[in-house]
Each structure stands twice: as C-alpha cells, then as structure tokens.
Amino acid sequence: MVDFAASIYNGHSFSNYRELIPETGNVQTDVSTYITDRNRAYAVEADYIKQWDMKRLTVGASYNANRNRSTYRSLDNSVFHQKQDEAYFFAEYYQRVNNLTFTAGIGAQYTSFHFRESDQGQSSWNLRPRASITYSINPNHRLRLGFSSWQTAPSLSETNIAPQQTDGFQWQIGNPNLKTSNSYMLSLRYSFSLPRVDGTFGIRAFSSPDAIAPRLYWEGDRLITTFENSRGLKNIVFNLSPQVEIVPEWLSAAGSIEYRAERMKGSGYRLYNHNWSGNAQLMLSHYGFVLSAQYTKSARTLYGERISWNEDLSIIDLSYNRGKWQFGAGMLMPFGKYDQGAKLLNRYNSNSKHMRADIRIPYISVSYNLQWGRQKRGAQKLIDANANADCSTAGGR
C-alpha cells in the first residue's frame, strides 16, 4: 500500500513591540518583525504487509521533504531558503504464541537540512529499534513491557540564522549546527479487570541524551536566545488509572493519578522537577441523560530551563442525547481557579507567566450530527503520510 500527501503554505507572521517613556511619551524602543513564507511539504510512504494466522511481517519506507522560502521584510527583504529531508526504512515482526505476544522492529532514519544562502546544514543516519512483549496472565490480568526509540530533527525556527529582535535587548538567532536528537522510552504496564473495577498501573522511563533546547547568553548589550543539543533530559513517570462501576449502568467514577520526576542538563544549568497530577470524573447516566463532574490538575513538565503546564480546570455538565441531536448545559470552573502557564528558570531571565482566572462560566449547547460524503474511517487507511508545511513565527516577548 502507498499513501502520498502534499501541502503548500503561503502566509505572513509579524510582531510589533514598542516601549514609551511615561513622563515624556517619547519612544524608547520600537521593534517590528515581518516575515513572508512560501513553503511546501511532500510525504510518501509505502508498506508491504504479509500476514499469517498468528504472525505478521511489515516492511516499509517513507520520505518527507520540506522546502521553505522566508522573506524578512524588516531586514531589507532578505531571503532565506531552507530544505529539510527525512527518509525512514523499517521492518517489524509480530507473533502470538499462546498467552504471549511479542513485536520487534528495527528502523534506519536519515535526516538532513541545509541553508542555501550560508551553505550550512547537517545530515545524519540513526537506528531506531523498538520491541514489546505482552503476557496475558488470564483474561482479567495482563502485563506489557515495551521499548521504543525515535529521532527529532531541528525545526525551521531552531535552525534559521536570521536574527529576530523581540524587544529593546532580547534577540533570537537559530543554530544551523544542531544535530538530530535521539529519544528512548521504556514502559511497563499492568492492566486488570475485577468485578466493577478496571484499570491500569504503569511505569514509564524516558531519556533524550541530546535533546534540542533553548540556550540564553549575553553578547554585548544583547540577551540572545539560541538553541543547542543539551546534555540530556531524563524522567520517570508512575501512573494509576482506575475506573469503578458504583451502580451498574447508572453511576461510575474514573480517574488517574500521576507522579513525575525529571532532570534536565544544559549549558550552565542542572534542574530537577517532581510533582503530582491527575484527574477525577464522576458520571451518572440514565434515560438518555448524562450528568458528569470533572476536575483536572495538569502535570508540570520540565524542558530546557522552562517548566510549563496545561489547563487546571473543573467542569459540571448535563447532556441529553436523542438521535443525532444533543442538548447540554453546564458550568466551567464551578470550583477552583483556572490556571495555565509556564515558569522560566534561566539565571539571566527568570519569570512566570500565568493565564489565571477565578471565574464561573455557565453555558448551553445544542448540536446536530450531520455527515455527508465518504467518511475517512470508511476508507480503512492502514498508513497515513504526514506532510505538514513549516511556518515562521515572528518572535514575541
């Protein structure tokens, strides 16, 4: 089977930053960045699958290409061309023997990127092994051990040598000498099914010894953000996710609790982070009505010198389904405070950013499910080539 995809992006990105002296109203800093992109992306994947009764062999190859042309209007219309290429070749074998199922695979990935104007770039070959084994103790208990690895190529913004000024003293300049980073993950998961209780318990260990991360340094009176292959990110995560049927077909509860410990090392820093996170949901359903309450506390994750988190939120919702119609009412944040943000721990630039609100937002919703044409799920695609065109981002403070 073969799948092909292509995309084109023609767009603009701009950023304006101005500082005024309060007493006089005079302009102290006026920075304007305006970038025009004409970018293309292509992807093709071809797989061969041979299947027997209890085993399967898959062999395949894929190729992704990005061609980027960026014009910096604020730099006298300077033009920068970048091309990125990725090729991947792999083989995977699957077999089931009684209560044991195992999968083993090996892949080889070639990555390359090049700047036309400066004749700078990098290319590399990397191996990508993966394996998993699942043991069914009985129909209600199962163990799975898995290992996977992958590579991450530097992005357009991380390698682009065009200097971008974000305010009176901060600049961003990409690093064309970045190398493709490697990541490895080992996971163990135990799944269980008991009367009225189902769930999983898992342990996940991750390592990226040369993860691409931001690096800040002073050059004269400029604070410059660039990117480097760091000295590594490591973390370990413990997760428990139970689901309890309190009253059969009426009342159920589900949730998860997670503990994360991680360490990140780079130029001039070594940081540690550990925290608890999770979510809880209670659901009452009958006669087509569903009443649910949910609370989520997002994990605080470390990358580079930055700790970030998604939404901490709570929701109460009542919905009713009838045919293709759905009616609902509820409230966002009936208890607690909404919070989303990040914290920068760099010795030259430490700050916290929060999107926080003590709010109560009621809502009413009416929806109808309308479908026409051939649905994608009807095509039963086994492979999906991904061609996402890059786009520039004008630096913002």
Protein backbone atom coordinates (compact mmCIF):
# COMPACT_ATOMS: atom_id res chain seq x y z
CA MET A 1 0.00 0.00 0.00
CA VAL A 2 1.14 3.53 -0.80
CA ASP A 3 -0.01 6.90 0.58
CA PHE A 4 1.03 10.35 -0.67
CA ALA A 5 0.35 13.81 0.74
CA ALA A 6 1.41 17.36 -0.06
CA SER A 7 0.74 20.81 1.36
CA ILE A 8 1.52 24.42 0.50
CA TYR A 9 1.74 27.31 2.96
CA ASN A 10 1.77 30.96 1.86
CA GLY A 11 1.47 33.23 4.86
CA HIS A 12 2.68 36.14 6.94
CA SER A 13 3.92 36.46 10.50
CA PHE A 14 4.51 39.77 12.20
CA SER A 15 5.28 41.18 15.64
CA ASN A 16 5.36 44.79 16.88
CA TYR A 17 6.90 45.85 20.20
CA ARG A 18 7.08 49.43 21.50
CA GLU A 19 8.19 50.99 24.79
CA LEU A 20 7.33 54.58 25.74
CA ILE A 21 8.83 56.82 28.43
CA PRO A 22 5.82 57.64 30.69
CA GLU A 23 6.94 61.17 31.58
CA THR A 24 7.53 62.39 28.03
CA GLY A 25 5.69 59.91 25.81
CA ASN A 26 8.84 59.53 23.69
CA VAL A 27 9.51 56.18 22.05
CA GLN A 28 12.35 54.32 23.78
CA THR A 29 12.15 51.01 21.85
CA ASP A 30 10.34 50.26 18.60
CA VAL A 31 10.83 46.77 17.16
CA SER A 32 8.96 45.42 14.14
CA THR A 33 9.36 41.94 12.63
CA TYR A 34 7.56 40.94 9.42
CA ILE A 35 8.14 37.57 7.70
CA THR A 36 6.56 36.22 4.50
CA ASP A 37 6.67 32.45 3.88
CA ARG A 38 6.27 30.39 0.72
CA ASN A 39 6.71 26.83 1.95
CA ARG A 40 5.94 23.38 0.55
CA ALA A 41 5.91 19.89 2.05
CA TYR A 42 5.69 16.43 0.48
CA ALA A 43 5.37 12.99 2.06
CA VAL A 44 5.09 9.46 0.69
CA GLU A 45 5.00 6.11 2.49
CA ALA A 46 4.94 2.60 1.04
CA ASP A 47 4.38 -0.53 3.18
CA TYR A 48 4.28 -4.24 2.42
CA ILE A 49 2.39 -6.44 4.92
CA LYS A 50 2.41 -10.23 4.90
CA GLN A 51 0.04 -11.82 7.42
CA TRP A 52 -0.34 -15.40 8.60
CA ASP A 53 -2.60 -16.93 11.25
CA MET A 54 -0.59 -15.87 14.32
CA LYS A 55 2.18 -13.69 12.91
CA ARG A 56 2.74 -10.67 10.67
CA LEU A 57 5.68 -9.10 8.83
CA THR A 58 5.71 -5.44 7.80
CA VAL A 59 8.39 -3.79 5.68
CA GLY A 60 8.20 -0.16 4.61
CA ALA A 61 9.82 3.11 3.72
CA SER A 62 8.80 6.75 3.94
CA TYR A 63 10.14 10.08 2.69
CA ASN A 64 9.31 13.61 3.88
CA ALA A 65 10.54 16.81 2.28
CA ASN A 66 10.12 20.47 3.29
CA ARG A 67 11.13 23.38 1.04
CA ASN A 68 10.99 26.74 2.80
CA ARG A 69 11.46 30.27 1.46
CA SER A 70 11.23 33.10 4.02
CA THR A 71 11.43 36.80 3.21
CA TYR A 72 12.26 39.12 6.13
CA ARG A 73 10.62 42.43 5.23
CA SER A 74 12.13 44.08 8.31
CA LEU A 75 15.67 43.02 7.23
CA ASP A 76 15.69 44.83 3.86
CA ASN A 77 13.70 41.97 2.27
CA SER A 78 16.45 39.42 2.96
CA VAL A 79 15.52 35.97 1.62
CA PHE A 80 16.46 32.67 3.31
CA HIS A 81 15.98 29.23 1.76
CA GLN A 82 15.97 26.05 3.83
CA LYS A 83 15.34 22.45 2.78
CA GLN A 84 14.70 19.52 5.07
CA ASP A 85 14.68 15.84 4.08
CA GLU A 86 13.82 12.75 6.10
CA ALA A 87 13.94 9.14 4.86
CA TYR A 88 12.94 6.18 7.00
CA PHE A 89 13.29 2.44 6.30
CA PHE A 90 11.91 -0.17 8.69
CA ALA A 91 10.93 -3.81 9.25
CA GLU A 92 8.68 -5.16 12.00
CA TYR A 93 7.73 -8.71 13.01
CA TYR A 94 4.72 -9.67 15.17
CA GLN A 95 3.85 -13.11 16.55
CA ARG A 96 1.47 -14.58 19.09
CA VAL A 97 2.19 -17.81 20.94
CA ASN A 98 -0.45 -18.96 23.45
CA ASN A 99 -0.64 -16.20 26.10
CA LEU A 100 2.44 -14.40 24.80
CA THR A 101 2.53 -11.71 22.13
CA PHE A 102 5.71 -10.01 21.00
CA THR A 103 6.68 -7.41 18.42
CA ALA A 104 10.20 -6.50 17.34
CA GLY A 105 11.28 -3.94 14.78
CA ILE A 106 14.27 -2.02 13.51
CA GLY A 107 14.37 1.18 11.51
CA ALA A 108 17.00 3.45 9.98
CA GLN A 109 16.34 7.19 9.64
CA TYR A 110 18.21 9.71 7.52
CA THR A 111 17.71 13.40 8.32
CA SER A 112 19.18 16.40 6.55
CA PHE A 113 18.68 20.18 6.47
CA HIS A 114 20.54 22.86 4.53
CA PHE A 115 20.55 26.67 4.20
CA ARG A 116 21.23 27.86 0.68
CA GLU A 117 22.47 31.37 1.49
CA SER A 118 25.10 30.35 4.09
CA ASP A 119 25.76 26.82 2.74
CA GLN A 120 25.30 25.46 6.27
CA GLY A 121 23.50 22.33 7.40
CA GLN A 122 23.69 18.88 8.89
CA SER A 123 22.87 15.30 7.91
CA SER A 124 22.90 12.06 9.88
CA TRP A 125 21.85 8.42 9.96
CA ASN A 126 20.25 6.94 13.10
CA LEU A 127 18.97 3.50 14.07
CA ARG A 128 15.50 3.22 15.62
CA PRO A 129 14.91 -0.12 17.41
CA ARG A 130 11.63 -0.98 19.12
CA ALA A 131 10.18 -4.03 20.85
CA SER A 132 7.25 -5.04 23.03
CA ILE A 133 6.08 -8.18 24.77
CA THR A 134 2.63 -8.80 26.26
CA TYR A 135 1.80 -11.62 28.64
CA SER A 136 -1.83 -12.45 29.42
CA ILE A 137 -1.80 -13.98 32.88
CA ASN A 138 -5.51 -14.75 32.49
CA PRO A 139 -8.45 -12.96 30.79
CA ASN A 140 -8.51 -10.37 33.61
CA HIS A 141 -4.81 -9.59 34.07
CA ARG A 142 -2.18 -8.56 31.52
CA LEU A 143 1.41 -7.33 31.57
CA ARG A 144 3.10 -5.38 28.79
CA LEU A 145 6.76 -4.38 28.53
CA GLY A 146 7.78 -2.06 25.71
CA PHE A 147 10.81 -0.22 24.39
CA SER A 148 10.77 2.42 21.65
CA SER A 149 13.16 4.97 20.21
CA TRP A 150 12.84 7.86 17.81
CA GLN A 151 14.66 10.90 16.42
CA THR A 152 13.65 14.58 16.29
CA ALA A 153 15.07 16.84 13.61
CA PRO A 154 15.60 20.55 14.36
CA SER A 155 12.72 22.80 13.29
CA LEU A 156 12.81 25.79 10.96
CA SER A 157 12.84 28.36 13.79
CA GLU A 158 15.54 26.46 15.72
CA THR A 159 17.99 26.49 12.80
CA ASN A 160 17.14 29.73 10.97
CA ILE A 161 20.16 32.05 11.13
CA ALA A 162 18.10 35.22 10.52
CA PRO A 163 18.34 37.37 13.70
CA GLN A 164 15.00 38.40 15.20
CA GLN A 165 14.74 41.23 17.73
CA THR A 166 11.90 40.80 20.22
CA ASP A 167 12.30 43.94 22.39
CA GLY A 168 14.92 46.50 23.41
CA PHE A 169 17.59 43.93 24.33
CA GLN A 170 16.32 40.40 23.52
CA TRP A 171 17.14 38.63 20.24
CA GLN A 172 16.63 35.14 18.81
CA ILE A 173 19.11 33.53 16.41
CA GLY A 174 18.84 29.90 15.24
CA ASN A 175 21.71 27.42 15.31
CA PRO A 176 22.41 25.74 11.93
CA ASN A 177 24.85 23.31 13.63
CA LEU A 178 22.14 21.49 15.57
CA LYS A 179 22.08 17.72 15.22
CA THR A 180 19.09 15.42 15.17
CA SER A 181 18.29 14.36 18.75
CA ASN A 182 17.58 10.82 19.97
CA SER A 183 14.88 9.71 22.41
CA TYR A 184 14.37 6.38 24.20
CA MET A 185 11.42 5.13 26.24
CA LEU A 186 10.97 2.01 28.37
CA SER A 187 7.49 1.27 29.72
CA LEU A 188 5.84 -1.36 31.88
CA ARG A 189 2.04 -1.55 32.14
CA TYR A 190 -0.21 -3.82 34.18
CA SER A 191 -3.90 -3.98 33.20
CA PHE A 192 -6.53 -5.55 35.41
CA SER A 193 -10.25 -6.23 35.30
CA LEU A 194 -12.07 -7.07 38.52
CA PRO A 195 -15.78 -7.10 39.38
CA ARG A 196 -16.87 -3.46 38.92
CA VAL A 197 -13.25 -2.25 38.82
CA ASP A 198 -10.97 -1.90 35.78
CA GLY A 199 -7.70 -0.06 35.46
CA THR A 200 -4.04 0.13 34.61
CA PHE A 201 -0.84 0.79 36.51
CA GLY A 202 2.18 1.92 34.55
CA ILE A 203 5.81 2.99 34.87
CA ARG A 204 7.50 4.93 32.09
CA ALA A 205 11.20 5.91 31.88
CA PHE A 206 12.33 8.40 29.22
CA SER A 207 15.76 9.64 28.16
CA SER A 208 16.86 12.09 25.48
CA PRO A 209 20.65 12.49 25.91
CA ASP A 210 20.98 15.25 23.31
CA ALA A 211 17.55 16.93 23.41
CA ILE A 212 17.29 20.20 21.48
CA ALA A 213 16.63 23.03 23.95
CA PRO A 214 16.88 26.86 24.13
CA ARG A 215 20.11 28.47 25.36
CA LEU A 216 20.42 32.07 26.56
CA TYR A 217 23.64 34.13 26.69
CA TRP A 218 24.76 37.76 26.68
CA GLU A 219 26.59 39.27 23.72
CA GLY A 220 27.43 42.89 24.47
CA ASP A 221 24.15 44.54 25.43
CA ARG A 222 22.02 41.86 23.77
CA LEU A 223 20.41 38.85 25.51
CA ILE A 224 20.35 36.19 22.78
CA THR A 225 18.19 33.08 22.68
CA THR A 226 19.59 30.33 20.51
CA PHE A 227 19.31 26.51 20.60
CA GLU A 228 21.67 23.69 21.49
CA ASN A 229 21.91 19.93 21.76
CA SER A 230 21.67 19.80 25.55
CA ARG A 231 23.33 17.36 27.93
CA GLY A 232 20.08 15.49 28.30
CA LEU A 233 16.57 15.15 29.68
CA LYS A 234 15.59 12.17 31.86
CA ASN A 235 12.29 11.46 33.60
CA ILE A 236 10.34 8.66 35.21
CA VAL A 237 6.54 8.65 35.50
CA PHE A 238 4.25 6.46 37.64
CA ASN A 239 0.57 6.32 36.70
CA LEU A 240 -2.53 4.64 38.15
CA SER A 241 -5.84 4.87 36.24
CA PRO A 242 -8.83 3.07 37.83
CA GLN A 243 -12.45 3.00 36.69
CA VAL A 244 -15.16 1.94 39.15
CA GLU A 245 -18.77 1.00 38.38
CA ILE A 246 -20.50 2.11 41.58
CA VAL A 247 -24.08 1.38 40.48
CA PRO A 248 -24.21 -0.80 37.34
CA GLU A 249 -25.38 1.14 34.27
CA TRP A 250 -26.11 4.18 36.45
CA LEU A 251 -23.17 5.62 38.37
CA SER A 252 -19.48 5.29 37.61
CA ALA A 253 -16.25 7.00 38.62
CA ALA A 254 -12.92 7.20 36.80
CA GLY A 255 -9.66 8.98 37.23
CA SER A 256 -5.91 8.88 37.13
CA ILE A 257 -3.07 9.94 39.39
CA GLU A 258 0.47 10.50 38.16
CA TYR A 259 3.83 11.20 39.79
CA ARG A 260 6.65 12.64 37.65
CA ALA A 261 10.33 13.11 38.48
CA GLU A 262 12.74 14.56 35.92
CA ARG A 263 16.16 16.13 35.41
CA MET A 264 17.41 18.42 32.62
CA LYS A 265 21.04 19.45 32.00
CA GLY A 266 22.36 22.07 29.60
CA SER A 267 24.94 24.83 29.27
CA GLY A 268 25.28 26.36 32.72
CA TYR A 269 22.34 24.63 34.42
CA ARG A 270 21.11 21.41 36.01
CA LEU A 271 17.44 21.43 37.00
CA TYR A 272 15.15 18.98 38.81
CA ASN A 273 11.36 18.80 38.81
CA HIS A 274 8.85 16.49 40.50
CA ASN A 275 5.11 16.82 41.05
CA TRP A 276 1.75 15.06 41.31
CA SER A 277 -1.03 15.48 38.77
CA GLY A 278 -4.23 13.75 37.75
CA ASN A 279 -7.93 13.95 37.07
CA ALA A 280 -11.18 12.64 38.53
CA GLN A 281 -14.59 12.18 36.92
CA LEU A 282 -17.97 11.13 38.32
CA MET A 283 -20.73 10.21 35.86
CA LEU A 284 -24.44 9.49 36.40
CA SER A 285 -26.39 8.29 33.33
CA HIS A 286 -29.92 7.08 32.72
CA TYR A 287 -32.82 7.55 30.25
CA GLY A 288 -30.53 9.32 27.79
CA PHE A 289 -29.34 11.90 30.35
CA VAL A 290 -25.69 12.11 31.45
CA LEU A 291 -24.62 14.20 34.45
CA SER A 292 -20.86 14.45 34.91
CA ALA A 293 -18.40 16.34 37.09
CA GLN A 294 -14.70 16.53 36.29
CA TYR A 295 -11.57 18.04 37.83
CA THR A 296 -8.12 18.10 36.19
CA LYS A 297 -4.77 19.15 37.61
CA SER A 298 -2.23 19.30 34.83
CA ALA A 299 1.30 17.91 35.08
CA ARG A 300 4.17 20.39 35.43
CA THR A 301 6.73 19.32 32.81
CA LEU A 302 10.38 20.38 32.51
CA TYR A 303 12.10 21.08 29.19
CA GLY A 304 15.22 23.17 28.88
CA GLU A 305 15.04 25.81 31.63
CA ARG A 306 11.25 26.01 31.41
CA ILE A 307 8.51 24.34 33.45
CA SER A 308 5.10 24.52 31.77
CA TRP A 309 1.61 23.16 32.39
CA ASN A 310 -1.67 22.91 30.52
CA GLU A 311 -5.08 23.67 31.99
CA ASP A 312 -6.09 23.16 35.61
CA LEU A 313 -9.88 23.13 35.31
CA SER A 314 -13.21 21.78 36.59
CA ILE A 315 -16.46 21.15 34.70
CA ILE A 316 -20.03 20.16 35.57
CA ASP A 317 -22.12 19.10 32.57
CA LEU A 318 -25.64 17.74 31.96
CA SER A 319 -26.40 16.41 28.48
CA TYR A 320 -29.25 14.62 26.74
CA ASN A 321 -28.94 12.63 23.50
CA ARG A 322 -31.80 11.92 21.15
CA GLY A 323 -30.96 10.52 17.74
CA LYS A 324 -28.48 12.86 16.06
CA TRP A 325 -29.36 15.70 18.44
CA GLN A 326 -27.51 16.55 21.63
CA PHE A 327 -28.57 19.15 24.19
CA GLY A 328 -26.35 20.25 27.03
CA ALA A 329 -25.92 22.72 29.87
CA GLY A 330 -23.20 23.13 32.43
CA MET A 331 -20.63 25.32 34.07
CA LEU A 332 -16.93 25.78 33.51
CA MET A 333 -14.90 26.23 36.71
CA PRO A 334 -17.70 25.67 39.29
CA PHE A 335 -14.93 25.28 41.86
CA GLY A 336 -11.23 26.09 41.95
CA LYS A 337 -9.30 28.55 39.78
CA TYR A 338 -8.47 28.16 36.11
CA ASP A 339 -4.70 28.16 35.54
CA GLN A 340 -2.36 27.62 32.62
CA GLY A 341 1.19 28.86 32.32
CA ALA A 342 4.96 28.48 32.38
CA LYS A 343 7.95 29.38 34.52
CA LEU A 344 11.39 30.28 33.10
CA LEU A 345 14.33 29.45 35.40
CA ASN A 346 17.24 30.91 33.44
CA ARG A 347 19.75 32.90 35.52
CA TYR A 348 19.57 35.81 33.05
CA ASN A 349 15.81 35.77 32.58
CA SER A 350 13.62 34.21 35.28
CA ASN A 351 9.89 34.88 35.13
CA SER A 352 6.46 33.30 35.48
CA LYS A 353 3.57 33.54 33.07
CA HIS A 354 0.00 32.62 34.12
CA MET A 355 -3.33 32.60 32.38
CA ARG A 356 -5.32 32.51 35.61
CA ALA A 357 -8.91 33.41 36.41
CA ASP A 358 -11.32 32.99 39.31
CA ILE A 359 -14.40 32.61 37.10
CA ARG A 360 -17.71 30.76 36.79
CA ILE A 361 -18.91 30.35 33.19
CA PRO A 362 -22.33 28.76 32.59
CA TYR A 363 -23.13 27.51 29.09
CA ILE A 364 -25.89 25.96 26.98
CA SER A 365 -25.22 23.89 23.86
CA VAL A 366 -27.32 22.41 21.05
CA SER A 367 -25.70 20.25 18.38
CA TYR A 368 -26.73 18.05 15.47
CA ASN A 369 -24.52 15.39 13.86
CA LEU A 370 -24.64 15.89 10.08
CA GLN A 371 -22.48 13.71 7.80
CA TRP A 372 -22.17 13.50 4.06
CA GLY A 373 -19.72 12.07 1.57
CA ARG A 374 -17.34 9.23 2.19
CA GLN A 375 -16.08 9.23 5.77
CA LYS A 376 -12.34 8.75 6.35
CA ARG A 377 -12.95 5.86 8.70
CA GLY A 378 -14.72 4.07 5.86
CA ALA A 379 -11.53 4.11 3.82
CA GLN A 380 -9.81 1.95 6.48
CA LYS A 381 -6.41 3.53 5.91
CA LEU A 382 -3.57 1.50 7.43
CA ILE A 383 -0.89 4.12 6.71
CA ASP A 384 -1.10 7.89 6.72
CA ALA A 385 1.65 10.01 5.15
CA ASN A 386 2.00 13.30 7.02
CA ALA A 387 3.04 16.43 5.09
CA ASN A 388 2.93 19.48 7.36
CA ALA A 389 4.41 22.65 5.87
CA ASP A 390 6.59 24.69 8.22
CA CYS A 391 5.77 28.31 9.02
CA SER A 392 7.87 31.07 10.57
CA THR A 393 6.92 32.73 13.85
CA ALA A 394 7.86 36.32 14.49
CA GLY A 395 9.47 36.47 17.93
CA GLY A 396 7.35 37.86 20.76
CA ARG A 397 8.31 38.72 24.32
